[in-house]
Amino acid sequence: MPSYLVETYLARGHAGERGAREVRARSVAEELTEGRVRVRFDRSIYVPEDEICFFVFDAPSGRDAALAAQRAELDPIRIVEAISSRKEELRSKRSGTRTTTHHEGRGTR
């Protein structure tokens, strides 16, 4: 299932709200899944220097991730599909191909 990054604004002075936002995101994802729209809240990533907080959802489509974000009152700026190295690794293992990392083949100093 694809993953989506939900980009939100979170001011440094309000960083403590992140936990409550995560609770809402998880709760909404569970409610949607019970209603037959499979959405899973994975985690959040806070970048204090940029006052941005990303919420990661696994969902069948960007529209489903957007629905979860809106219902959780995350006030998304944008929503984009994201592919993590962990998912790429799992995908390649299933298909029998090998993925390379950026540092492979380089010597050490």
PDB file of N, CA and C in Angstrom:
ATOM      1  N   MET A   1       0.853  -1.179   0.000  1.00  0.00           N
ATOM      2  CA  MET A   1       0.000   0.000   0.000  1.00  0.00           C
ATOM      3  C   MET A   1       0.893   1.235   0.000  1.00  0.00           C
ATOM      4  N   PRO A   2       0.579   2.220  -0.803  1.00  0.00           N
ATOM      5  CA  PRO A   2       1.400   3.438  -0.859  1.00  0.00           C
ATOM      6  C   PRO A   2       1.387   4.215   0.460  1.00  0.00           C
ATOM      7  N   SER A   3       2.437   4.981   0.671  1.00  0.00           N
ATOM      8  CA  SER A   3       2.526   5.886   1.819  1.00  0.00           C
ATOM      9  C   SER A   3       2.398   7.315   1.321  1.00  0.00           C
ATOM     10  N   TYR A   4       1.824   8.159   2.156  1.00  0.00           N
ATOM     11  CA  TYR A   4       1.639   9.562   1.808  1.00  0.00           C
ATOM     12  C   TYR A   4       2.131  10.437   2.948  1.00  0.00           C
ATOM     13  N   LEU A   5       2.854  11.500   2.585  1.00  0.00           N
ATOM     14  CA  LEU A   5       3.285  12.513   3.544  1.00  0.00           C
ATOM     15  C   LEU A   5       2.256  13.632   3.543  1.00  0.00           C
ATOM     16  N   VAL A   6       1.759  13.916   4.714  1.00  0.00           N
ATOM     17  CA  VAL A   6       0.832  15.028   4.882  1.00  0.00           C
ATOM     18  C   VAL A   6       1.636  16.145   5.542  1.00  0.00           C
ATOM     19  N   GLU A   7       1.883  17.200   4.800  1.00  0.00           N
ATOM     20  CA  GLU A   7       2.675  18.317   5.299  1.00  0.00           C
ATOM     21  C   GLU A   7       1.775  19.312   6.022  1.00  0.00           C
ATOM     22  N   THR A   8       2.167  19.661   7.247  1.00  0.00           N
ATOM     23  CA  THR A   8       1.395  20.614   8.039  1.00  0.00           C
ATOM     24  C   THR A   8       2.333  21.638   8.671  1.00  0.00           C
ATOM     25  N   TYR A   9       1.774  22.764   9.058  1.00  0.00           N
ATOM     26  CA  TYR A   9       2.521  23.799   9.764  1.00  0.00           C
ATOM     27  C   TYR A   9       2.374  23.541  11.258  1.00  0.00           C
ATOM     28  N   LEU A  10       3.493  23.583  11.989  1.00  0.00           N
ATOM     29  CA  LEU A  10       3.453  23.442  13.447  1.00  0.00           C
ATOM     30  C   LEU A  10       4.524  24.349  14.035  1.00  0.00           C
ATOM     31  N   ALA A  11       4.091  25.484  14.550  1.00  0.00           N
ATOM     32  CA  ALA A  11       5.018  26.468  15.108  1.00  0.00           C
ATOM     33  C   ALA A  11       5.783  25.884  16.288  1.00  0.00           C
ATOM     34  N   ARG A  12       7.000  26.342  16.456  1.00  0.00           N
ATOM     35  CA  ARG A  12       7.835  25.853  17.569  1.00  0.00           C
ATOM     36  C   ARG A  12       7.113  25.995  18.908  1.00  0.00           C
ATOM     37  N   GLY A  13       6.446  27.095  19.084  1.00  0.00           N
ATOM     38  CA  GLY A  13       5.749  27.342  20.346  1.00  0.00           C
ATOM     39  C   GLY A  13       4.561  26.415  20.586  1.00  0.00           C
ATOM     40  N   HIS A  14       4.158  25.694  19.565  1.00  0.00           N
ATOM     41  CA  HIS A  14       3.019  24.776  19.673  1.00  0.00           C
ATOM     42  C   HIS A  14       3.443  23.324  19.455  1.00  0.00           C
ATOM     43  N   ALA A  15       4.742  23.058  19.520  1.00  0.00           N
ATOM     44  CA  ALA A  15       5.260  21.712  19.260  1.00  0.00           C
ATOM     45  C   ALA A  15       4.634  20.671  20.188  1.00  0.00           C
ATOM     46  N   GLY A  16       4.197  21.084  21.356  1.00  0.00           N
ATOM     47  CA  GLY A  16       3.556  20.166  22.291  1.00  0.00           C
ATOM     48  C   GLY A  16       2.239  19.606  21.779  1.00  0.00           C
ATOM     49  N   GLU A  17       1.663  20.229  20.758  1.00  0.00           N
ATOM     50  CA  GLU A  17       0.401  19.757  20.177  1.00  0.00           C
ATOM     51  C   GLU A  17       0.593  18.523  19.296  1.00  0.00           C
ATOM     52  N   ARG A  18       1.823  18.219  18.993  1.00  0.00           N
ATOM     53  CA  ARG A  18       2.100  17.096  18.083  1.00  0.00           C
ATOM     54  C   ARG A  18       1.491  15.787  18.588  1.00  0.00           C
ATOM     55  N   GLY A  19       1.610  15.514  19.866  1.00  0.00           N
ATOM     56  CA  GLY A  19       1.059  14.282  20.434  1.00  0.00           C
ATOM     57  C   GLY A  19      -0.444  14.178  20.239  1.00  0.00           C
ATOM     58  N   ALA A  20      -1.152  15.269  20.477  1.00  0.00           N
ATOM     59  CA  ALA A  20      -2.610  15.278  20.295  1.00  0.00           C
ATOM     60  C   ALA A  20      -2.975  15.077  18.830  1.00  0.00           C
ATOM     61  N   ARG A  21      -2.186  15.655  17.941  1.00  0.00           N
ATOM     62  CA  ARG A  21      -2.432  15.477  16.506  1.00  0.00           C
ATOM     63  C   ARG A  21      -2.224  14.014  16.102  1.00  0.00           C
ATOM     64  N   GLU A  22      -1.192  13.389  16.674  1.00  0.00           N
ATOM     65  CA  GLU A  22      -0.952  11.976  16.392  1.00  0.00           C
ATOM     66  C   GLU A  22      -2.113  11.107  16.867  1.00  0.00           C
ATOM     67  N   VAL A  23      -2.623  11.404  18.054  1.00  0.00           N
ATOM     68  CA  VAL A  23      -3.760  10.648  18.590  1.00  0.00           C
ATOM     69  C   VAL A  23      -4.960  10.774  17.655  1.00  0.00           C
ATOM     70  N   ARG A  24      -5.237  12.000  17.198  1.00  0.00           N
ATOM     71  CA  ARG A  24      -6.368  12.199  16.272  1.00  0.00           C
ATOM     72  C   ARG A  24      -6.135  11.457  14.963  1.00  0.00           C
ATOM     73  N   ALA A  25      -4.910  11.530  14.432  1.00  0.00           N
ATOM     74  CA  ALA A  25      -4.596  10.859  13.166  1.00  0.00           C
ATOM     75  C   ALA A  25      -4.785   9.349  13.291  1.00  0.00           C
ATOM     76  N   ARG A  26      -4.294   8.777  14.369  1.00  0.00           N
ATOM     77  CA  ARG A  26      -4.428   7.338  14.586  1.00  0.00           C
ATOM     78  C   ARG A  26      -5.894   6.944  14.741  1.00  0.00           C
ATOM     79  N   SER A  27      -6.633   7.719  15.504  1.00  0.00           N
ATOM     80  CA  SER A  27      -8.049   7.437  15.742  1.00  0.00           C
ATOM     81  C   SER A  27      -8.860   7.497  14.448  1.00  0.00           C
ATOM     82  N   VAL A  28      -8.623   8.519  13.650  1.00  0.00           N
ATOM     83  CA  VAL A  28      -9.342   8.668  12.381  1.00  0.00           C
ATOM     84  C   VAL A  28      -8.989   7.525  11.434  1.00  0.00           C
ATOM     85  N   ALA A  29      -7.708   7.157  11.379  1.00  0.00           N
ATOM     86  CA  ALA A  29      -7.293   6.051  10.512  1.00  0.00           C
ATOM     87  C   ALA A  29      -8.015   4.764  10.908  1.00  0.00           C
ATOM     88  N   GLU A  30      -8.138   4.525  12.203  1.00  0.00           N
ATOM     89  CA  GLU A  30      -8.847   3.325  12.674  1.00  0.00           C
ATOM     90  C   GLU A  30     -10.328   3.390  12.304  1.00  0.00           C
ATOM     91  N   GLU A  31     -10.933   4.566  12.459  1.00  0.00           N
ATOM     92  CA  GLU A  31     -12.350   4.725  12.097  1.00  0.00           C
ATOM     93  C   GLU A  31     -12.563   4.489  10.602  1.00  0.00           C
ATOM     94  N   LEU A  32     -11.692   5.030   9.777  1.00  0.00           N
ATOM     95  CA  LEU A  32     -11.828   4.840   8.331  1.00  0.00           C
ATOM     96  C   LEU A  32     -11.663   3.370   7.955  1.00  0.00           C
ATOM     97  N   THR A  33     -10.727   2.697   8.614  1.00  0.00           N
ATOM     98  CA  THR A  33     -10.500   1.280   8.333  1.00  0.00           C
ATOM     99  C   THR A  33     -11.721   0.445   8.718  1.00  0.00           C
ATOM    100  N   GLU A  34     -12.333   0.788   9.834  1.00  0.00           N
ATOM    101  CA  GLU A  34     -13.559   0.094  10.236  1.00  0.00           C
ATOM    102  C   GLU A  34     -14.674   0.327   9.226  1.00  0.00           C
ATOM    103  N   GLY A  35     -14.641   1.475   8.574  1.00  0.00           N
ATOM    104  CA  GLY A  35     -15.636   1.813   7.556  1.00  0.00           C
ATOM    105  C   GLY A  35     -15.231   1.361   6.168  1.00  0.00           C
ATOM    106  N   ARG A  36     -14.256   0.494   6.066  1.00  0.00           N
ATOM    107  CA  ARG A  36     -13.820  -0.146   4.823  1.00  0.00           C
ATOM    108  C   ARG A  36     -12.875   0.681   3.948  1.00  0.00           C
ATOM    109  N   VAL A  37     -12.353   1.778   4.448  1.00  0.00           N
ATOM    110  CA  VAL A  37     -11.306   2.515   3.738  1.00  0.00           C
ATOM    111  C   VAL A  37     -10.028   2.251   4.532  1.00  0.00           C
ATOM    112  N   ARG A  38      -9.162   1.407   3.985  1.00  0.00           N
ATOM    113  CA  ARG A  38      -7.969   0.985   4.716  1.00  0.00           C
ATOM    114  C   ARG A  38      -6.942   2.117   4.778  1.00  0.00           C
ATOM    115  N   VAL A  39      -6.845   2.725   5.939  1.00  0.00           N
ATOM    116  CA  VAL A  39      -5.866   3.787   6.168  1.00  0.00           C
ATOM    117  C   VAL A  39      -5.153   3.468   7.466  1.00  0.00           C
ATOM    118  N   ARG A  40      -3.835   3.620   7.451  1.00  0.00           N
ATOM    119  CA  ARG A  40      -3.053   3.387   8.665  1.00  0.00           C
ATOM    120  C   ARG A  40      -2.158   4.598   8.906  1.00  0.00           C
ATOM    121  N   PHE A  41      -2.218   5.110  10.129  1.00  0.00           N
ATOM    122  CA  PHE A  41      -1.301   6.178  10.514  1.00  0.00           C
ATOM    123  C   PHE A  41      -0.001   5.518  10.930  1.00  0.00           C
ATOM    124  N   ASP A  42       1.103   5.928  10.319  1.00  0.00           N
ATOM    125  CA  ASP A  42       2.399   5.316  10.593  1.00  0.00           C
ATOM    126  C   ASP A  42       3.194   6.094  11.635  1.00  0.00           C
ATOM    127  N   ARG A  43       3.419   7.378  11.372  1.00  0.00           N
ATOM    128  CA  ARG A  43       4.234   8.186  12.295  1.00  0.00           C
ATOM    129  C   ARG A  43       4.185   9.651  11.885  1.00  0.00           C
ATOM    130  N   SER A  44       4.788  10.484  12.727  1.00  0.00           N
ATOM    131  CA  SER A  44       4.955  11.891  12.353  1.00  0.00           C
ATOM    132  C   SER A  44       6.437  12.223  12.408  1.00  0.00           C
ATOM    133  N   ILE A  45       6.805  13.244  11.655  1.00  0.00           N
ATOM    134  CA  ILE A  45       8.184  13.725  11.611  1.00  0.00           C
ATOM    135  C   ILE A  45       8.115  15.241  11.759  1.00  0.00           C
ATOM    136  N   TYR A  46       8.708  15.749  12.822  1.00  0.00           N
ATOM    137  CA  TYR A  46       8.666  17.191  13.082  1.00  0.00           C
ATOM    138  C   TYR A  46      10.012  17.804  12.731  1.00  0.00           C
ATOM    139  N   VAL A  47       9.977  18.907  11.982  1.00  0.00           N
ATOM    140  CA  VAL A  47      11.178  19.649  11.600  1.00  0.00           C
ATOM    141  C   VAL A  47      11.053  21.037  12.233  1.00  0.00           C
ATOM    142  N   PRO A  48      11.528  21.190  13.470  1.00  0.00           N
ATOM    143  CA  PRO A  48      11.321  22.451  14.190  1.00  0.00           C
ATOM    144  C   PRO A  48      11.906  23.675  13.493  1.00  0.00           C
ATOM    145  N   GLU A  49      13.053  23.513  12.857  1.00  0.00           N
ATOM    146  CA  GLU A  49      13.682  24.660  12.200  1.00  0.00           C
ATOM    147  C   GLU A  49      12.786  25.253  11.114  1.00  0.00           C
ATOM    148  N   ASP A  50      12.036  24.400  10.429  1.00  0.00           N
ATOM    149  CA  ASP A  50      11.134  24.861   9.369  1.00  0.00           C
ATOM    150  C   ASP A  50       9.686  24.972   9.832  1.00  0.00           C
ATOM    151  N   GLU A  51       9.429  24.602  11.079  1.00  0.00           N
ATOM    152  CA  GLU A  51       8.073  24.619  11.652  1.00  0.00           C
ATOM    153  C   GLU A  51       7.107  23.804  10.786  1.00  0.00           C
ATOM    154  N   ILE A  52       7.582  22.628  10.369  1.00  0.00           N
ATOM    155  CA  ILE A  52       6.786  21.723   9.547  1.00  0.00           C
ATOM    156  C   ILE A  52       6.677  20.394  10.269  1.00  0.00           C
ATOM    157  N   CYS A  53       5.514  19.806  10.211  1.00  0.00           N
ATOM    158  CA  CYS A  53       5.306  18.474  10.756  1.00  0.00           C
ATOM    159  C   CYS A  53       4.669  17.621   9.661  1.00  0.00           C
ATOM    160  N   PHE A  54       5.304  16.504   9.370  1.00  0.00           N
ATOM    161  CA  PHE A  54       4.786  15.566   8.388  1.00  0.00           C
ATOM    162  C   PHE A  54       4.089  14.423   9.111  1.00  0.00           C
ATOM    163  N   PHE A  55       2.958  14.028   8.610  1.00  0.00           N
ATOM    164  CA  PHE A  55       2.245  12.864   9.126  1.00  0.00           C
ATOM    165  C   PHE A  55       2.251  11.840   8.005  1.00  0.00           C
ATOM    166  N   VAL A  56       2.646  10.629   8.323  1.00  0.00           N
ATOM    167  CA  VAL A  56       2.771   9.582   7.313  1.00  0.00           C
ATOM    168  C   VAL A  56       1.596   8.618   7.445  1.00  0.00           C
ATOM    169  N   PHE A  57       0.858   8.496   6.364  1.00  0.00           N
ATOM    170  CA  PHE A  57      -0.274   7.575   6.305  1.00  0.00           C
ATOM    171  C   PHE A  57      -0.032   6.543   5.210  1.00  0.00           C
ATOM    172  N   ASP A  58      -0.398   5.311   5.468  1.00  0.00           N
ATOM    173  CA  ASP A  58      -0.474   4.296   4.424  1.00  0.00           C
ATOM    174  C   ASP A  58      -1.935   4.256   4.009  1.00  0.00           C
ATOM    175  N   ALA A  59      -2.183   4.441   2.717  1.00  0.00           N
ATOM    176  CA  ALA A  59      -3.560   4.516   2.216  1.00  0.00           C
ATOM    177  C   ALA A  59      -3.592   4.082   0.756  1.00  0.00           C
ATOM    178  N   PRO A  60      -4.749   3.619   0.283  1.00  0.00           N
ATOM    179  CA  PRO A  60      -4.850   3.209  -1.118  1.00  0.00           C
ATOM    180  C   PRO A  60      -4.642   4.351  -2.108  1.00  0.00           C
ATOM    181  N   SER A  61      -4.951   5.585  -1.691  1.00  0.00           N
ATOM    182  CA  SER A  61      -4.821   6.726  -2.602  1.00  0.00           C
ATOM    183  C   SER A  61      -4.542   8.000  -1.809  1.00  0.00           C
ATOM    184  N   GLY A  62      -4.076   9.006  -2.543  1.00  0.00           N
ATOM    185  CA  GLY A  62      -3.864  10.314  -1.927  1.00  0.00           C
ATOM    186  C   GLY A  62      -5.164  10.908  -1.414  1.00  0.00           C
ATOM    187  N   ARG A  63      -6.232  10.610  -2.107  1.00  0.00           N
ATOM    188  CA  ARG A  63      -7.552  11.099  -1.685  1.00  0.00           C
ATOM    189  C   ARG A  63      -7.932  10.528  -0.311  1.00  0.00           C
ATOM    190  N   ASP A  64      -7.621   9.239  -0.094  1.00  0.00           N
ATOM    191  CA  ASP A  64      -7.919   8.621   1.206  1.00  0.00           C
ATOM    192  C   ASP A  64      -7.033   9.201   2.310  1.00  0.00           C
ATOM    193  N   ALA A  65      -5.767   9.467   1.993  1.00  0.00           N
ATOM    194  CA  ALA A  65      -4.869  10.095   2.963  1.00  0.00           C
ATOM    195  C   ALA A  65      -5.350  11.509   3.287  1.00  0.00           C
ATOM    196  N   ALA A  66      -5.822  12.228   2.279  1.00  0.00           N
ATOM    197  CA  ALA A  66      -6.345  13.582   2.485  1.00  0.00           C
ATOM    198  C   ALA A  66      -7.587  13.560   3.360  1.00  0.00           C
ATOM    199  N   LEU A  67      -8.440  12.575   3.136  1.00  0.00           N
ATOM    200  CA  LEU A  67      -9.645  12.435   3.954  1.00  0.00           C
ATOM    201  C   LEU A  67      -9.269  12.226   5.419  1.00  0.00           C
ATOM    202  N   ALA A  68      -8.293  11.357   5.658  1.00  0.00           N
ATOM    203  CA  ALA A  68      -7.840  11.113   7.031  1.00  0.00           C
ATOM    204  C   ALA A  68      -7.278  12.391   7.652  1.00  0.00           C
ATOM    205  N   ALA A  69      -6.463  13.110   6.900  1.00  0.00           N
ATOM    206  CA  ALA A  69      -5.856  14.343   7.413  1.00  0.00           C
ATOM    207  C   ALA A  69      -6.916  15.393   7.741  1.00  0.00           C
ATOM    208  N   GLN A  70      -7.900  15.524   6.876  1.00  0.00           N
ATOM    209  CA  GLN A  70      -8.956  16.508   7.117  1.00  0.00           C
ATOM    210  C   GLN A  70      -9.795  16.135   8.333  1.00  0.00           C
ATOM    211  N   ARG A  71     -10.169  14.863   8.429  1.00  0.00           N
ATOM    212  CA  ARG A  71     -10.975  14.430   9.580  1.00  0.00           C
ATOM    213  C   ARG A  71     -10.213  14.536  10.890  1.00  0.00           C
ATOM    214  N   ALA A  72      -8.887  14.387  10.830  1.00  0.00           N
ATOM    215  CA  ALA A  72      -8.055  14.527  12.032  1.00  0.00           C
ATOM    216  C   ALA A  72      -7.726  15.982  12.326  1.00  0.00           C
ATOM    217  N   GLU A  73      -8.242  16.893  11.506  1.00  0.00           N
ATOM    218  CA  GLU A  73      -8.038  18.332  11.669  1.00  0.00           C
ATOM    219  C   GLU A  73      -6.555  18.701  11.680  1.00  0.00           C
ATOM    220  N   LEU A  74      -5.803  18.101  10.741  1.00  0.00           N
ATOM    221  CA  LEU A  74      -4.376  18.386  10.641  1.00  0.00           C
ATOM    222  C   LEU A  74      -4.087  19.629   9.812  1.00  0.00           C
ATOM    223  N   ASP A  75      -5.079  20.153   9.114  1.00  0.00           N
ATOM    224  CA  ASP A  75      -4.932  21.336   8.274  1.00  0.00           C
ATOM    225  C   ASP A  75      -3.757  21.185   7.306  1.00  0.00           C
ATOM    226  N   PRO A  76      -3.845  20.191   6.406  1.00  0.00           N
ATOM    227  CA  PRO A  76      -2.713  19.905   5.521  1.00  0.00           C
ATOM    228  C   PRO A  76      -2.413  21.021   4.528  1.00  0.00           C
ATOM    229  N   ILE A  77      -1.130  21.251   4.306  1.00  0.00           N
ATOM    230  CA  ILE A  77      -0.665  22.197   3.293  1.00  0.00           C
ATOM    231  C   ILE A  77      -0.629  21.480   1.949  1.00  0.00           C
ATOM    232  N   ARG A  78      -0.069  20.276   1.957  1.00  0.00           N
ATOM    233  CA  ARG A  78      -0.060  19.444   0.756  1.00  0.00           C
ATOM    234  C   ARG A  78       0.098  17.983   1.157  1.00  0.00           C
ATOM    235  N   ILE A  79      -0.222  17.111   0.222  1.00  0.00           N
ATOM    236  CA  ILE A  79      -0.141  15.671   0.445  1.00  0.00           C
ATOM    237  C   ILE A  79       0.530  15.061  -0.775  1.00  0.00           C
ATOM    238  N   VAL A  80       1.611  14.316  -0.540  1.00  0.00           N
ATOM    239  CA  VAL A  80       2.353  13.707  -1.637  1.00  0.00           C
ATOM    240  C   VAL A  80       2.678  12.256  -1.309  1.00  0.00           C
ATOM    241  N   GLU A  81       2.743  11.436  -2.362  1.00  0.00           N
ATOM    242  CA  GLU A  81       3.147  10.048  -2.163  1.00  0.00           C
ATOM    243  C   GLU A  81       4.637  10.017  -1.835  1.00  0.00           C
ATOM    244  N   ALA A  82       5.015   9.108  -0.950  1.00  0.00           N
ATOM    245  CA  ALA A  82       6.413   8.980  -0.547  1.00  0.00           C
ATOM    246  C   ALA A  82       6.808   7.508  -0.559  1.00  0.00           C
ATOM    247  N   ILE A  83       8.031   7.254  -0.961  1.00  0.00           N
ATOM    248  CA  ILE A  83       8.547   5.890  -0.970  1.00  0.00           C
ATOM    249  C   ILE A  83       9.769   5.859  -0.069  1.00  0.00           C
ATOM    250  N   SER A  84       9.693   5.072   0.974  1.00  0.00           N
ATOM    251  CA  SER A  84      10.815   4.983   1.902  1.00  0.00           C
ATOM    252  C   SER A  84      11.767   3.882   1.463  1.00  0.00           C
ATOM    253  N   SER A  85      12.998   3.957   1.897  1.00  0.00           N
ATOM    254  CA  SER A  85      13.976   2.930   1.551  1.00  0.00           C
ATOM    255  C   SER A  85      13.538   1.588   2.111  1.00  0.00           C
ATOM    256  N   ARG A  86      12.897   1.582   3.238  1.00  0.00           N
ATOM    257  CA  ARG A  86      12.411   0.341   3.851  1.00  0.00           C
ATOM    258  C   ARG A  86      11.405  -0.334   2.930  1.00  0.00           C
ATOM    259  N   LYS A  87      10.492   0.409   2.356  1.00  0.00           N
ATOM    260  CA  LYS A  87       9.493  -0.161   1.453  1.00  0.00           C
ATOM    261  C   LYS A  87      10.133  -0.615   0.149  1.00  0.00           C
ATOM    262  N   GLU A  88      11.109   0.137  -0.349  1.00  0.00           N
ATOM    263  CA  GLU A  88      11.808  -0.258  -1.568  1.00  0.00           C
ATOM    264  C   GLU A  88      12.532  -1.584  -1.346  1.00  0.00           C
ATOM    265  N   GLU A  89      13.141  -1.717  -0.179  1.00  0.00           N
ATOM    266  CA  GLU A  89      13.860  -2.942   0.139  1.00  0.00           C
ATOM    267  C   GLU A  89      12.908  -4.136   0.178  1.00  0.00           C
ATOM    268  N   LEU A  90      11.778  -3.972   0.818  1.00  0.00           N
ATOM    269  CA  LEU A  90      10.790  -5.053   0.881  1.00  0.00           C
ATOM    270  C   LEU A  90      10.265  -5.387  -0.509  1.00  0.00           C
ATOM    271  N   ARG A  91       9.995  -4.366  -1.308  1.00  0.00           N
ATOM    272  CA  ARG A  91       9.481  -4.562  -2.658  1.00  0.00           C
ATOM    273  C   ARG A  91      10.486  -5.342  -3.507  1.00  0.00           C
ATOM    274  N   SER A  92      11.767  -5.017  -3.391  1.00  0.00           N
ATOM    275  CA  SER A  92      12.776  -5.706  -4.191  1.00  0.00           C
ATOM    276  C   SER A  92      12.960  -7.147  -3.724  1.00  0.00           C
ATOM    277  N   LYS A  93      12.831  -7.399  -2.443  1.00  0.00           N
ATOM    278  CA  LYS A  93      12.938  -8.768  -1.945  1.00  0.00           C
ATOM    279  C   LYS A  93      11.811  -9.634  -2.501  1.00  0.00           C
ATOM    280  N   ARG A  94      10.616  -9.064  -2.571  1.00  0.00           N
ATOM    281  CA  ARG A  94       9.475  -9.806  -3.103  1.00  0.00           C
ATOM    282  C   ARG A  94       9.643 -10.111  -4.586  1.00  0.00           C
ATOM    283  N   SER A  95      10.225  -9.163  -5.320  1.00  0.00           N
ATOM    284  CA  SER A  95      10.361  -9.346  -6.766  1.00  0.00           C
ATOM    285  C   SER A  95      11.647 -10.073  -7.138  1.00  0.00           C
ATOM    286  N   GLY A  96      12.544 -10.270  -6.178  1.00  0.00           N
ATOM    287  CA  GLY A  96      13.785 -10.985  -6.449  1.00  0.00           C
ATOM    288  C   GLY A  96      14.884 -10.117  -7.013  1.00  0.00           C
ATOM    289  N   THR A  97      14.675  -8.797  -7.084  1.00  0.00           N
ATOM    290  CA  THR A  97      15.721  -7.896  -7.564  1.00  0.00           C
ATOM    291  C   THR A  97      16.460  -7.304  -6.382  1.00  0.00           C
ATOM    292  N   ARG A  98      17.621  -6.737  -6.642  1.00  0.00           N
ATOM    293  CA  ARG A  98      18.434  -6.159  -5.581  1.00  0.00           C
ATOM    294  C   ARG A  98      18.487  -4.651  -5.755  1.00  0.00           C
ATOM    295  N   THR A  99      18.244  -3.936  -4.677  1.00  0.00           N
ATOM    296  CA  THR A  99      18.388  -2.485  -4.739  1.00  0.00           C
ATOM    297  C   THR A  99      19.757  -2.125  -4.188  1.00  0.00           C
ATOM    298  N   THR A 100      20.321  -1.051  -4.666  1.00  0.00           N
ATOM    299  CA  THR A 100      21.610  -0.598  -4.162  1.00  0.00           C
ATOM    300  C   THR A 100      21.405   0.690  -3.402  1.00  0.00           C
ATOM    301  N   THR A 101      22.249   0.878  -2.437  1.00  0.00           N
ATOM    302  CA  THR A 101      22.195   2.130  -1.691  1.00  0.00           C
ATOM    303  C   THR A 101      23.238   3.075  -2.251  1.00  0.00           C
ATOM    304  N   HIS A 102      23.123   4.317  -1.921  1.00  0.00           N
ATOM    305  CA  HIS A 102      23.982   5.365  -2.446  1.00  0.00           C
ATOM    306  C   HIS A 102      25.463   5.114  -2.120  1.00  0.00           C
ATOM    307  N   HIS A 103      25.746   4.511  -0.973  1.00  0.00           N
ATOM    308  CA  HIS A 103      27.136   4.361  -0.538  1.00  0.00           C
ATOM    309  C   HIS A 103      27.776   3.050  -0.981  1.00  0.00           C
ATOM    310  N   GLU A 104      27.038   2.124  -1.578  1.00  0.00           N
ATOM    311  CA  GLU A 104      27.620   0.851  -1.984  1.00  0.00           C
ATOM    312  C   GLU A 104      28.688   1.067  -3.049  1.00  0.00           C
ATOM    313  N   GLY A 105      29.755   0.279  -2.945  1.00  0.00           N
ATOM    314  CA  GLY A 105      30.809   0.347  -3.939  1.00  0.00           C
ATOM    315  C   GLY A 105      31.852   1.413  -3.637  1.00  0.00           C
ATOM    316  N   ARG A 106      31.652   2.189  -2.622  1.00  0.00           N
ATOM    317  CA  ARG A 106      32.633   3.219  -2.271  1.00  0.00           C
ATOM    318  C   ARG A 106      33.618   2.671  -1.233  1.00  0.00           C
ATOM    319  N   GLY A 107      34.850   3.053  -1.361  1.00  0.00           N
ATOM    320  CA  GLY A 107      35.853   2.651  -0.377  1.00  0.00           C
ATOM    321  C   GLY A 107      35.755   3.478   0.876  1.00  0.00           C
ATOM    322  N   THR A 108      36.379   3.013   1.940  1.00  0.00           N
ATOM    323  CA  THR A 108      36.390   3.780   3.182  1.00  0.00           C
ATOM    324  C   THR A 108      37.706   4.536   3.281  1.00  0.00           C
ATOM    325  N   ARG A 109      37.695   5.587   4.012  1.00  0.00           N
ATOM    326  CA  ARG A 109      38.902   6.420   4.181  1.00  0.00           C
ATOM    327  C   ARG A 109      39.426   6.276   5.560  1.00  0.00           C
TER     328      ARG A 109
END
